[in-house]
Amino acid sequence: MHDTQGCAGGPEVVEIWSEDQLRDALARCAAQSLIVDLTRRGLAPFAAAHQVTAQIGETIEGLLSDLPPVLLPNAEGVAAEHIGSWIDFELFGDPARILADRVALRVTKHNPDRILILMPHTAEDLTRADCLLLARLAAMLPARISLGFSCGAYVLPDDLGVEVIATMPRTMAGAARFPPGSMSVQMQSKLALLGSGIPQGVAAPNGQIYLPPNVRFEGGDFKPDAVAPYAAQWGWSGLPFLIDSADAGTLARFAWRALAARDADLAIHLARLAVERPGDKAFATSALATILIIAQSFAELARIGGEDSNLNRAWGETLAGSAQGAASTFQAAADADDTSAMGLYLRNISALADFRVGKPEVALAKQLSIRAALEADPNPSRHLIFINNLNMGRLARAEGDSSRAAELIAAAFAARGEQVSEHDALYREVLLADVAETDDLAARHWAAAAEVFAAQTHPGAISMRAFRKLVSRPPRPFEMREIAVAEALRAHAPIAEGA
């Protein structure tokens, strides 16, 4: 095995390409070591975390059991409870960072002597969730981590704070093959009986089988079609055998399942693949658009193509800050008499488009009509009440009525009830500071925001919505969000210095 020099005090960097190099690396691992194979991009939610939790007796579902569920549309379409769960998903905080924090903490208690991570062959195959977990592990156990590069080391995103210095000139064209991650001995035997063509691999001390990276690029005669009829019943384990031939509808359904597992990035990845496949493209496009809205990826939403995508594009343009063309689209689509959940949500985004093109009076009329519909409903959606009050608060602030704006903001978060998360609490104080009528009142809200931040369990998991408001920009994909949040709070509240 060829060792290269990592950054002093940081993870070790090694070359792992051949079977001999993989055997050497695994020989340095003990039964309590952790091994993560990311050579091929994972095709199951939170791939790195899934592999780690399986080795320490935990489950992702258990670690995220306190997060609100993500409900999926059914045959009857999208209802208020679906949209409400998507709002909770966004406001509760970033699941990828919450999971990274919790897995890393469990790993420190497990106290492995070594963590071997087989890195993706190119930086483009790094996923955000996997990188966040790598960064948290490197921060807690830097001397015990070995990063195995197969096709040339590359620079990791600066925001991760994990420096890699290595020179490995090998480059490979094409994508890695065979199912990502490791295999159990039982799965390997089953695949051999089915004639999958997957090579034997190398056994590790943890009882799993790992494929040498060179085999993923050069060796074997992979026959996914021989396994596909059976793999269709295997859930996520079967997707690697289906992904190259699956139609639009199949991949879109996997995308929804990934979202239900709270891995929005995987959901978007699969939905992007789905819209390029033959089959039910309308379903795939609708799935991609909805997932992008839930994940707050508005710029991409605004670029969605297709004959029936005008409304999606308008939605994306409005929330990405370019509402000129969107207002007329919403004007044609919004039905003033539609009091269904989707109708009211559509009217709400239409009002935002009107506000952003300089028609606050039109926006206010629409928001008031939403409020009237909610007041007439014996069982109104608390999520719609939340959104409606926030947007009316924005209008009041624009009119200079700070007192009214503060009342509406308070009413918005009161509607959240027991669903208020630690990030909701921070967001509320920041919004109230923004509309405070006096400097003294603003200072009190900033101090309260700093206290909330200092007490948070997962400060780096702040929601996209709250981060944008506080830091005045969207978060970068791989950044540790708590750093920018702390800096923003320090500019307003000295108490944040200890956060």
Protein backbone atom coordinates (compact mmCIF):
# COMPACT_ATOMS: atom_id res chain seq x y z
CA MET A 1 0.00 0.00 0.00
CA HIS A 2 1.35 3.40 -0.97
CA ASP A 3 0.98 5.92 1.84
CA THR A 4 0.94 9.61 1.05
CA GLN A 5 1.21 12.54 3.35
CA GLY A 6 -1.95 13.94 4.89
CA CYS A 7 -2.23 17.26 6.68
CA ALA A 8 -0.42 17.27 10.04
CA GLY A 9 -2.88 16.36 12.77
CA GLY A 10 -5.57 15.52 10.24
CA PRO A 11 -6.71 12.31 8.54
CA GLU A 12 -4.16 9.96 7.02
CA VAL A 13 -4.29 9.74 3.23
CA VAL A 14 -3.60 6.42 1.49
CA GLU A 15 -3.86 5.05 -2.02
CA ILE A 16 -6.27 2.13 -2.37
CA TRP A 17 -6.74 0.96 -5.93
CA SER A 18 -5.82 -2.70 -6.28
CA GLU A 19 -6.92 -5.76 -4.36
CA ASP A 20 -3.54 -5.94 -2.63
CA GLN A 21 -3.81 -2.32 -1.49
CA LEU A 22 -7.33 -2.92 -0.20
CA ARG A 23 -6.19 -6.05 1.66
CA ASP A 24 -3.33 -4.10 3.24
CA ALA A 25 -5.70 -1.35 4.37
CA LEU A 26 -8.22 -3.82 5.79
CA ALA A 27 -5.42 -5.73 7.55
CA ARG A 28 -4.75 -2.59 9.57
CA CYS A 29 -8.36 -2.63 10.77
CA ALA A 30 -9.62 -4.53 13.79
CA ALA A 31 -13.09 -5.87 14.52
CA GLN A 32 -14.05 -2.59 16.24
CA SER A 33 -12.74 -0.48 13.33
CA LEU A 34 -15.27 1.28 11.12
CA ILE A 35 -15.11 0.94 7.34
CA VAL A 36 -17.07 3.11 4.91
CA ASP A 37 -17.03 2.51 1.15
CA LEU A 38 -18.00 5.59 -0.86
CA THR A 39 -16.16 4.59 -4.06
CA ARG A 40 -19.47 4.65 -5.89
CA ARG A 41 -22.06 7.24 -4.96
CA GLY A 42 -24.58 5.76 -2.55
CA LEU A 43 -28.03 4.81 -3.79
CA ALA A 44 -29.70 4.67 -0.38
CA PRO A 45 -30.51 7.53 2.01
CA PHE A 46 -27.48 8.92 3.88
CA ALA A 47 -25.08 6.30 2.49
CA ALA A 48 -22.10 6.94 4.79
CA ALA A 49 -24.26 7.24 7.90
CA HIS A 50 -26.10 4.05 6.93
CA GLN A 51 -22.84 2.11 6.77
CA VAL A 52 -21.54 3.55 10.04
CA THR A 53 -24.72 3.03 12.05
CA ALA A 54 -24.94 -0.59 10.92
CA GLN A 55 -21.49 -1.18 12.42
CA ILE A 56 -22.19 0.44 15.80
CA GLY A 57 -25.62 -1.04 16.47
CA GLU A 58 -27.64 2.06 15.64
CA THR A 59 -30.15 2.93 12.93
CA ILE A 60 -30.78 6.16 11.06
CA GLU A 61 -34.48 5.83 11.82
CA GLY A 62 -33.74 5.62 15.52
CA LEU A 63 -31.33 8.56 15.50
CA LEU A 64 -33.86 10.76 13.68
CA SER A 65 -36.97 9.48 15.46
CA ASP A 66 -37.69 12.87 17.06
CA LEU A 67 -37.88 14.66 13.71
CA PRO A 68 -41.36 15.25 12.25
CA PRO A 69 -42.37 12.76 9.54
CA VAL A 70 -42.38 13.66 5.85
CA LEU A 71 -45.75 12.65 4.43
CA LEU A 72 -46.02 11.69 0.75
CA PRO A 73 -48.90 12.47 -1.63
CA ASN A 74 -51.38 9.68 -2.23
CA ALA A 75 -53.68 8.76 -5.09
CA GLU A 76 -56.04 11.57 -4.09
CA GLY A 77 -53.31 14.17 -4.54
CA VAL A 78 -51.70 16.69 -2.21
CA ALA A 79 -53.61 17.58 0.95
CA ALA A 80 -53.03 20.09 3.72
CA GLU A 81 -51.34 17.53 5.96
CA HIS A 82 -48.79 16.73 3.25
CA ILE A 83 -47.82 20.37 2.77
CA GLY A 84 -47.78 20.87 6.52
CA SER A 85 -45.30 18.02 6.98
CA TRP A 86 -43.07 19.53 4.29
CA ILE A 87 -43.06 22.87 6.10
CA ASP A 88 -42.15 21.11 9.35
CA PHE A 89 -39.38 19.25 7.51
CA GLU A 90 -37.78 22.53 6.46
CA LEU A 91 -38.31 24.45 9.70
CA PHE A 92 -37.10 21.73 12.07
CA GLY A 93 -33.56 22.02 10.75
CA ASP A 94 -31.19 20.30 8.34
CA PRO A 95 -31.59 16.51 8.77
CA ALA A 96 -28.23 15.79 7.14
CA ARG A 97 -26.39 17.89 9.70
CA ILE A 98 -28.48 16.63 12.63
CA LEU A 99 -27.69 13.06 11.57
CA ALA A 100 -23.98 13.84 11.11
CA ASP A 101 -23.81 15.33 14.61
CA ARG A 102 -25.58 12.37 16.19
CA VAL A 103 -23.70 9.66 14.33
CA ALA A 104 -20.34 11.28 15.10
CA LEU A 105 -21.25 11.48 18.79
CA ARG A 106 -22.23 7.79 18.83
CA VAL A 107 -18.96 6.91 17.08
CA THR A 108 -16.90 8.65 19.77
CA LYS A 109 -18.70 6.55 22.39
CA HIS A 110 -18.06 3.41 20.33
CA ASN A 111 -14.38 4.43 20.40
CA PRO A 112 -13.11 2.74 17.21
CA ASP A 113 -9.36 2.38 16.85
CA ARG A 114 -9.58 3.26 13.15
CA ILE A 115 -12.05 4.65 10.61
CA LEU A 116 -11.24 3.73 7.02
CA ILE A 117 -13.17 5.66 4.37
CA LEU A 118 -12.85 4.66 0.72
CA MET A 119 -13.44 8.01 -0.98
CA PRO A 120 -15.38 8.60 -4.21
CA HIS A 121 -13.21 8.47 -7.31
CA THR A 122 -14.03 12.10 -8.17
CA ALA A 123 -15.02 15.12 -6.09
CA GLU A 124 -18.26 15.33 -8.10
CA ASP A 125 -19.45 12.12 -6.44
CA LEU A 126 -19.17 13.58 -2.94
CA THR A 127 -22.60 14.04 -1.42
CA ARG A 128 -23.39 16.73 1.08
CA ALA A 129 -24.60 14.31 3.76
CA ASP A 130 -21.50 12.13 3.44
CA CYS A 131 -19.22 15.18 3.58
CA LEU A 132 -20.91 16.56 6.69
CA LEU A 133 -20.41 13.25 8.47
CA LEU A 134 -16.77 13.11 7.34
CA ALA A 135 -16.22 16.64 8.66
CA ARG A 136 -17.77 15.86 12.04
CA LEU A 137 -15.74 12.65 12.40
CA ALA A 138 -12.56 14.46 11.37
CA ALA A 139 -13.23 17.16 13.95
CA MET A 140 -13.75 14.64 16.76
CA LEU A 141 -11.34 11.82 15.85
CA PRO A 142 -8.86 13.24 13.31
CA ALA A 143 -5.92 10.95 14.11
CA ARG A 144 -7.96 7.77 13.66
CA ILE A 145 -9.29 8.45 10.16
CA SER A 146 -7.72 7.09 6.97
CA LEU A 147 -9.00 8.39 3.64
CA GLY A 148 -8.44 5.93 0.82
CA PHE A 149 -8.27 7.54 -2.63
CA SER A 150 -8.46 5.34 -5.70
CA CYS A 151 -8.13 7.57 -8.75
CA GLY A 152 -6.07 10.51 -7.56
CA ALA A 153 -6.57 12.59 -4.46
CA TYR A 154 -8.55 15.80 -4.83
CA VAL A 155 -9.13 18.85 -2.70
CA LEU A 156 -12.13 18.54 -0.42
CA PRO A 157 -14.48 21.54 -0.16
CA ASP A 158 -12.86 24.26 1.97
CA ASP A 159 -15.96 24.58 4.14
CA LEU A 160 -15.42 21.08 5.54
CA GLY A 161 -12.20 22.09 7.27
CA VAL A 162 -10.57 18.79 6.26
CA GLU A 163 -7.31 19.38 4.44
CA VAL A 164 -5.94 16.70 2.13
CA ILE A 165 -2.46 16.94 0.64
CA ALA A 166 -1.66 14.06 -1.69
CA THR A 167 -0.42 13.32 -5.18
CA MET A 168 -1.82 10.33 -7.03
CA PRO A 169 -1.75 10.81 -10.78
CA ARG A 170 -4.14 8.02 -11.78
CA THR A 171 -7.39 9.16 -13.36
CA MET A 172 -10.21 7.02 -14.70
CA ALA A 173 -12.93 7.73 -17.19
CA GLY A 174 -16.44 6.48 -16.63
CA ALA A 175 -18.41 5.69 -13.52
CA ALA A 176 -17.77 3.12 -10.83
CA ARG A 177 -19.88 -0.04 -11.20
CA PHE A 178 -21.50 -2.67 -9.01
CA PRO A 179 -23.66 -1.94 -5.95
CA PRO A 180 -22.17 0.83 -3.78
CA GLY A 181 -20.87 0.15 -0.30
CA SER A 182 -20.21 -3.25 1.20
CA MET A 183 -22.02 -6.57 0.95
CA SER A 184 -22.75 -9.22 3.52
CA VAL A 185 -21.53 -12.74 2.85
CA GLN A 186 -25.16 -13.83 2.51
CA MET A 187 -25.90 -11.14 -0.10
CA GLN A 188 -22.77 -12.02 -2.05
CA SER A 189 -23.82 -15.68 -2.15
CA LYS A 190 -27.33 -14.75 -3.27
CA LEU A 191 -26.00 -12.53 -6.06
CA ALA A 192 -23.61 -15.25 -7.22
CA LEU A 193 -26.49 -17.75 -7.48
CA LEU A 194 -28.48 -15.24 -9.53
CA GLY A 195 -25.59 -14.76 -11.96
CA SER A 196 -24.97 -11.08 -11.24
CA GLY A 197 -21.33 -11.19 -12.35
CA ILE A 198 -20.17 -9.34 -9.23
CA PRO A 199 -16.58 -10.27 -8.26
CA GLN A 200 -15.76 -12.01 -5.00
CA GLY A 201 -14.29 -9.02 -3.17
CA VAL A 202 -12.23 -8.89 0.02
CA ALA A 203 -13.50 -9.86 3.48
CA ALA A 204 -12.98 -7.30 6.26
CA PRO A 205 -12.72 -7.83 10.03
CA ASN A 206 -16.25 -6.45 10.41
CA GLY A 207 -17.64 -9.40 8.43
CA GLN A 208 -18.49 -7.40 5.31
CA ILE A 209 -17.21 -7.84 1.76
CA TYR A 210 -15.58 -4.89 -0.05
CA LEU A 211 -14.72 -4.57 -3.75
CA PRO A 212 -11.30 -3.20 -4.75
CA PRO A 213 -11.77 0.12 -6.57
CA ASN A 214 -9.99 -1.11 -9.72
CA VAL A 215 -12.57 -3.89 -10.03
CA ARG A 216 -15.37 -1.31 -10.01
CA PHE A 217 -13.80 0.37 -13.05
CA GLU A 218 -12.08 -2.43 -14.92
CA GLY A 219 -13.15 -5.90 -13.87
CA GLY A 220 -16.12 -8.21 -13.91
CA ASP A 221 -19.07 -8.69 -16.21
CA PHE A 222 -21.90 -7.00 -14.35
CA LYS A 223 -25.31 -8.40 -15.32
CA PRO A 224 -27.93 -6.33 -13.49
CA ASP A 225 -30.72 -7.67 -15.71
CA ALA A 226 -30.17 -11.14 -14.26
CA VAL A 227 -30.96 -9.77 -10.81
CA ALA A 228 -33.53 -7.09 -11.66
CA PRO A 229 -36.69 -9.27 -11.34
CA TYR A 230 -35.68 -10.09 -7.76
CA ALA A 231 -34.11 -6.72 -6.93
CA ALA A 232 -37.44 -5.00 -7.52
CA GLN A 233 -38.54 -6.50 -4.18
CA TRP A 234 -35.41 -5.52 -2.24
CA GLY A 235 -36.10 -1.84 -1.67
CA TRP A 236 -32.96 0.29 -1.54
CA SER A 237 -30.71 -2.77 -1.80
CA GLY A 238 -32.21 -3.50 -5.19
CA LEU A 239 -31.92 -0.02 -6.71
CA PRO A 240 -28.34 -0.49 -8.03
CA PHE A 241 -29.65 -3.33 -10.23
CA LEU A 242 -32.55 -1.25 -11.52
CA ILE A 243 -31.22 2.28 -11.84
CA ASP A 244 -29.80 2.02 -15.36
CA SER A 245 -33.01 0.61 -16.84
CA ALA A 246 -35.74 2.01 -14.57
CA ASP A 247 -38.41 4.19 -16.16
CA ALA A 248 -39.42 7.68 -15.08
CA GLY A 249 -42.18 6.54 -12.75
CA THR A 250 -40.03 3.99 -10.92
CA LEU A 251 -37.22 6.46 -10.24
CA ALA A 252 -39.69 9.17 -9.23
CA ARG A 253 -41.19 6.82 -6.65
CA PHE A 254 -37.70 6.12 -5.28
CA ALA A 255 -37.16 9.89 -5.15
CA TRP A 256 -40.26 10.29 -2.99
CA ARG A 257 -39.09 7.47 -0.74
CA ALA A 258 -35.73 9.19 -0.32
CA LEU A 259 -37.53 12.35 0.74
CA ALA A 260 -39.62 10.37 3.22
CA ALA A 261 -36.30 9.16 4.66
CA ARG A 262 -35.34 12.88 4.89
CA ASP A 263 -32.47 12.68 2.38
CA ALA A 264 -33.52 15.57 0.15
CA ASP A 265 -30.28 15.54 -1.86
CA LEU A 266 -30.74 11.90 -2.87
CA ALA A 267 -34.40 12.63 -3.64
CA ILE A 268 -33.38 15.44 -6.00
CA HIS A 269 -30.68 13.26 -7.61
CA LEU A 270 -33.14 10.46 -8.35
CA ALA A 271 -35.86 12.85 -9.54
CA ARG A 272 -33.39 14.48 -11.93
CA LEU A 273 -32.64 11.05 -13.38
CA ALA A 274 -36.36 10.29 -13.58
CA VAL A 275 -37.25 13.26 -15.80
CA GLU A 276 -34.68 12.06 -18.37
CA ARG A 277 -36.16 8.56 -18.64
CA PRO A 278 -39.04 7.31 -20.80
CA GLY A 279 -42.33 6.68 -19.08
CA ASP A 280 -44.52 8.92 -16.95
CA LYS A 281 -42.57 12.15 -17.40
CA ALA A 282 -45.42 14.27 -16.04
CA PHE A 283 -45.29 12.38 -12.74
CA ALA A 284 -41.49 12.62 -12.67
CA THR A 285 -41.51 16.35 -13.41
CA SER A 286 -44.15 16.97 -10.76
CA ALA A 287 -42.11 14.97 -8.25
CA LEU A 288 -38.92 16.90 -9.05
CA ALA A 289 -40.69 20.25 -8.81
CA THR A 290 -42.34 19.45 -5.48
CA ILE A 291 -39.13 18.07 -3.99
CA LEU A 292 -37.25 21.19 -5.10
CA ILE A 293 -39.86 23.36 -3.38
CA ILE A 294 -39.60 21.33 -0.18
CA ALA A 295 -35.79 21.48 -0.31
CA GLN A 296 -35.91 25.24 -1.06
CA SER A 297 -33.92 24.77 -4.29
CA PHE A 298 -35.77 27.58 -6.01
CA ALA A 299 -33.21 28.51 -8.66
CA GLU A 300 -33.34 25.00 -10.14
CA LEU A 301 -37.12 24.97 -9.83
CA ALA A 302 -37.23 28.09 -12.00
CA ARG A 303 -35.36 26.23 -14.76
CA ILE A 304 -37.63 23.19 -15.00
CA GLY A 305 -38.70 22.54 -18.58
CA GLY A 306 -41.80 20.99 -20.08
CA GLU A 307 -45.12 22.19 -21.40
CA ASP A 308 -46.86 21.98 -18.03
CA SER A 309 -44.10 23.60 -15.97
CA ASN A 310 -45.03 27.29 -16.19
CA LEU A 311 -46.42 27.27 -12.66
CA ASN A 312 -43.36 25.51 -11.29
CA ARG A 313 -41.06 28.00 -12.98
CA ALA A 314 -43.11 30.90 -11.66
CA TRP A 315 -42.94 29.46 -8.15
CA GLY A 316 -39.19 29.10 -8.41
CA GLU A 317 -38.67 32.55 -9.92
CA THR A 318 -40.69 34.19 -7.15
CA LEU A 319 -38.83 32.56 -4.30
CA ALA A 320 -35.47 32.98 -6.06
CA GLY A 321 -36.14 36.73 -6.19
CA SER A 322 -37.18 37.23 -9.84
CA ALA A 323 -40.95 37.62 -9.89
CA GLN A 324 -41.56 39.84 -12.92
CA GLY A 325 -42.78 37.07 -15.19
CA ALA A 326 -44.22 35.00 -12.37
CA ALA A 327 -46.95 37.41 -11.29
CA SER A 328 -48.88 37.11 -14.56
CA THR A 329 -48.55 33.32 -14.52
CA PHE A 330 -50.02 33.17 -11.03
CA GLN A 331 -52.72 35.64 -11.99
CA ALA A 332 -53.91 33.22 -14.65
CA ALA A 333 -53.60 30.13 -12.44
CA ALA A 334 -54.82 31.30 -9.04
CA ASP A 335 -58.54 30.82 -8.38
CA ALA A 336 -59.93 33.32 -5.90
CA ASP A 337 -62.73 30.87 -5.01
CA ASP A 338 -60.46 27.88 -4.39
CA THR A 339 -60.19 27.38 -0.63
CA SER A 340 -58.46 24.00 -0.79
CA ALA A 341 -55.04 23.72 0.80
CA MET A 342 -53.31 23.80 -2.58
CA GLY A 343 -55.48 26.69 -3.70
CA LEU A 344 -54.59 28.75 -0.63
CA TYR A 345 -50.89 27.93 -0.90
CA LEU A 346 -50.96 28.95 -4.55
CA ARG A 347 -52.71 32.20 -3.65
CA ASN A 348 -50.09 32.81 -0.98
CA ILE A 349 -47.16 32.49 -3.40
CA SER A 350 -49.10 34.59 -5.90
CA ALA A 351 -49.37 37.32 -3.26
CA LEU A 352 -45.63 37.16 -2.69
CA ALA A 353 -45.05 37.61 -6.43
CA ASP A 354 -47.35 40.66 -6.39
CA PHE A 355 -45.46 42.11 -3.43
CA ARG A 356 -42.11 41.65 -5.16
CA VAL A 357 -43.26 43.39 -8.35
CA GLY A 358 -44.41 46.43 -6.39
CA LYS A 359 -48.12 45.68 -5.88
CA PRO A 360 -48.43 45.48 -2.08
CA GLU A 361 -52.13 46.37 -2.13
CA VAL A 362 -52.89 43.40 -4.40
CA ALA A 363 -50.74 41.17 -2.20
CA LEU A 364 -52.55 42.32 0.94
CA ALA A 365 -55.96 41.65 -0.60
CA LYS A 366 -54.92 38.08 -1.38
CA GLN A 367 -53.45 37.52 2.09
CA LEU A 368 -56.65 38.85 3.68
CA SER A 369 -58.71 36.49 1.52
CA ILE A 370 -56.54 33.60 2.73
CA ARG A 371 -57.09 34.68 6.33
CA ALA A 372 -60.85 34.84 5.76
CA ALA A 373 -60.86 31.33 4.30
CA LEU A 374 -58.88 30.02 7.27
CA GLU A 375 -61.20 31.72 9.76
CA ALA A 376 -64.20 30.13 8.04
CA ASP A 377 -62.62 26.67 8.21
CA PRO A 378 -63.62 24.73 11.36
CA ASN A 379 -60.28 22.89 11.22
CA PRO A 380 -57.81 25.27 9.58
CA SER A 381 -54.26 24.30 8.73
CA ARG A 382 -51.90 25.66 11.39
CA HIS A 383 -49.19 25.65 8.73
CA LEU A 384 -51.23 27.92 6.48
CA ILE A 385 -51.90 30.17 9.46
CA PHE A 386 -48.16 30.30 10.08
CA ILE A 387 -47.32 31.19 6.47
CA ASN A 388 -50.19 33.67 6.15
CA ASN A 389 -49.21 35.55 9.30
CA LEU A 390 -45.55 35.66 8.32
CA ASN A 391 -46.38 37.11 4.93
CA MET A 392 -48.82 39.63 6.36
CA GLY A 393 -46.08 40.58 8.79
CA ARG A 394 -43.79 41.23 5.82
CA LEU A 395 -46.42 43.53 4.33
CA ALA A 396 -46.89 45.38 7.62
CA ARG A 397 -43.13 45.88 7.92
CA ALA A 398 -42.99 47.25 4.37
CA GLU A 399 -45.71 49.74 5.30
CA GLY A 400 -43.72 50.83 8.36
CA ASP A 401 -46.16 49.37 10.88
CA SER A 402 -43.62 47.66 13.14
CA SER A 403 -46.06 47.02 15.95
CA ARG A 404 -48.50 45.22 13.66
CA ALA A 405 -45.64 43.27 12.07
CA ALA A 406 -44.47 42.05 15.49
CA GLU A 407 -48.01 40.94 16.39
CA LEU A 408 -48.29 38.94 13.17
CA ILE A 409 -44.88 37.31 13.65
CA ALA A 410 -45.83 36.29 17.19
CA ALA A 411 -49.15 34.91 15.91
CA ALA A 412 -47.33 32.94 13.22
CA PHE A 413 -45.13 31.09 15.68
CA ALA A 414 -47.99 30.64 18.14
CA ALA A 415 -49.75 28.68 15.39
CA ARG A 416 -46.81 26.26 15.28
CA GLY A 417 -47.71 25.09 18.78
CA GLU A 418 -45.69 22.14 20.02
CA GLN A 419 -43.92 21.83 16.68
CA VAL A 420 -41.63 24.78 17.47
CA SER A 421 -38.02 23.62 17.15
CA GLU A 422 -34.82 25.20 18.47
CA HIS A 423 -34.36 26.75 15.03
CA ASP A 424 -37.91 28.13 15.02
CA ALA A 425 -37.12 29.83 18.32
CA LEU A 426 -34.01 31.47 16.85
CA TYR A 427 -35.84 32.49 13.67
CA ARG A 428 -38.66 34.08 15.69
CA GLU A 429 -36.26 36.26 17.70
CA VAL A 430 -34.40 37.37 14.57
CA LEU A 431 -37.66 38.34 12.87
CA LEU A 432 -38.84 40.23 15.95
CA ALA A 433 -35.51 42.05 16.20
CA ASP A 434 -35.88 43.08 12.57
CA VAL A 435 -39.24 44.79 13.18
CA ALA A 436 -38.55 46.16 16.68
CA GLU A 437 -39.76 49.73 17.13
CA THR A 438 -36.83 50.81 19.32
CA ASP A 439 -33.13 50.04 19.48
CA ASP A 440 -33.56 48.81 23.04
CA LEU A 441 -36.28 46.34 22.03
CA ALA A 442 -34.19 45.16 19.07
CA ALA A 443 -31.21 44.59 21.37
CA ARG A 444 -33.35 42.47 23.69
CA HIS A 445 -34.49 40.28 20.81
CA TRP A 446 -30.92 39.93 19.51
CA ALA A 447 -29.77 38.95 23.00
CA ALA A 448 -32.59 36.39 23.18
CA ALA A 449 -31.57 35.04 19.77
CA ALA A 450 -27.98 34.67 20.97
CA GLU A 451 -29.11 32.82 24.09
CA VAL A 452 -31.23 30.44 22.01
CA PHE A 453 -28.28 29.82 19.69
CA ALA A 454 -25.87 29.17 22.56
CA ALA A 455 -28.23 26.55 24.03
CA GLN A 456 -28.95 24.70 20.78
CA THR A 457 -28.12 21.03 20.44
CA HIS A 458 -27.54 21.28 16.69
CA PRO A 459 -26.60 24.91 15.90
CA GLY A 460 -25.18 23.92 12.52
CA ALA A 461 -28.54 22.50 11.40
CA ILE A 462 -30.26 25.90 11.16
CA SER A 463 -32.97 25.86 8.50
CA MET A 464 -32.42 27.44 5.08
CA ARG A 465 -35.15 29.99 5.76
CA ALA A 466 -33.66 31.16 9.07
CA PHE A 467 -30.09 31.14 7.74
CA ARG A 468 -31.00 33.35 4.78
CA LYS A 469 -32.74 35.84 7.04
CA LEU A 470 -29.90 36.02 9.55
CA VAL A 471 -26.86 35.83 7.26
CA SER A 472 -28.43 37.56 4.21
CA ARG A 473 -27.43 34.79 1.79
CA PRO A 474 -28.22 31.12 1.21
CA PRO A 475 -25.90 28.62 2.90
CA ARG A 476 -23.15 27.06 0.83
CA PRO A 477 -23.64 23.32 0.32
CA PHE A 478 -20.81 22.10 2.53
CA GLU A 479 -20.38 24.90 5.04
CA MET A 480 -20.64 24.55 8.78
CA ARG A 481 -23.59 26.91 9.11
CA GLU A 482 -23.06 27.67 12.79
CA ILE A 483 -19.89 29.66 11.96
CA ALA A 484 -21.73 32.21 9.81
CA VAL A 485 -24.65 32.31 12.25
CA ALA A 486 -22.34 33.02 15.19
CA GLU A 487 -20.64 35.82 13.25
CA ALA A 488 -23.99 37.38 12.34
CA LEU A 489 -25.18 37.23 15.94
CA ARG A 490 -21.94 38.74 17.25
CA ALA A 491 -22.57 41.75 15.07
CA HIS A 492 -25.77 42.38 17.04
CA ALA A 493 -25.37 40.75 20.45
CA PRO A 494 -22.13 40.50 22.46
CA ILE A 495 -23.63 37.59 24.39
CA ALA A 496 -23.11 35.47 21.28
CA GLU A 497 -19.34 35.58 21.85
CA GLY A 498 -19.61 32.54 24.07
CA ALA A 499 -21.66 30.55 21.56
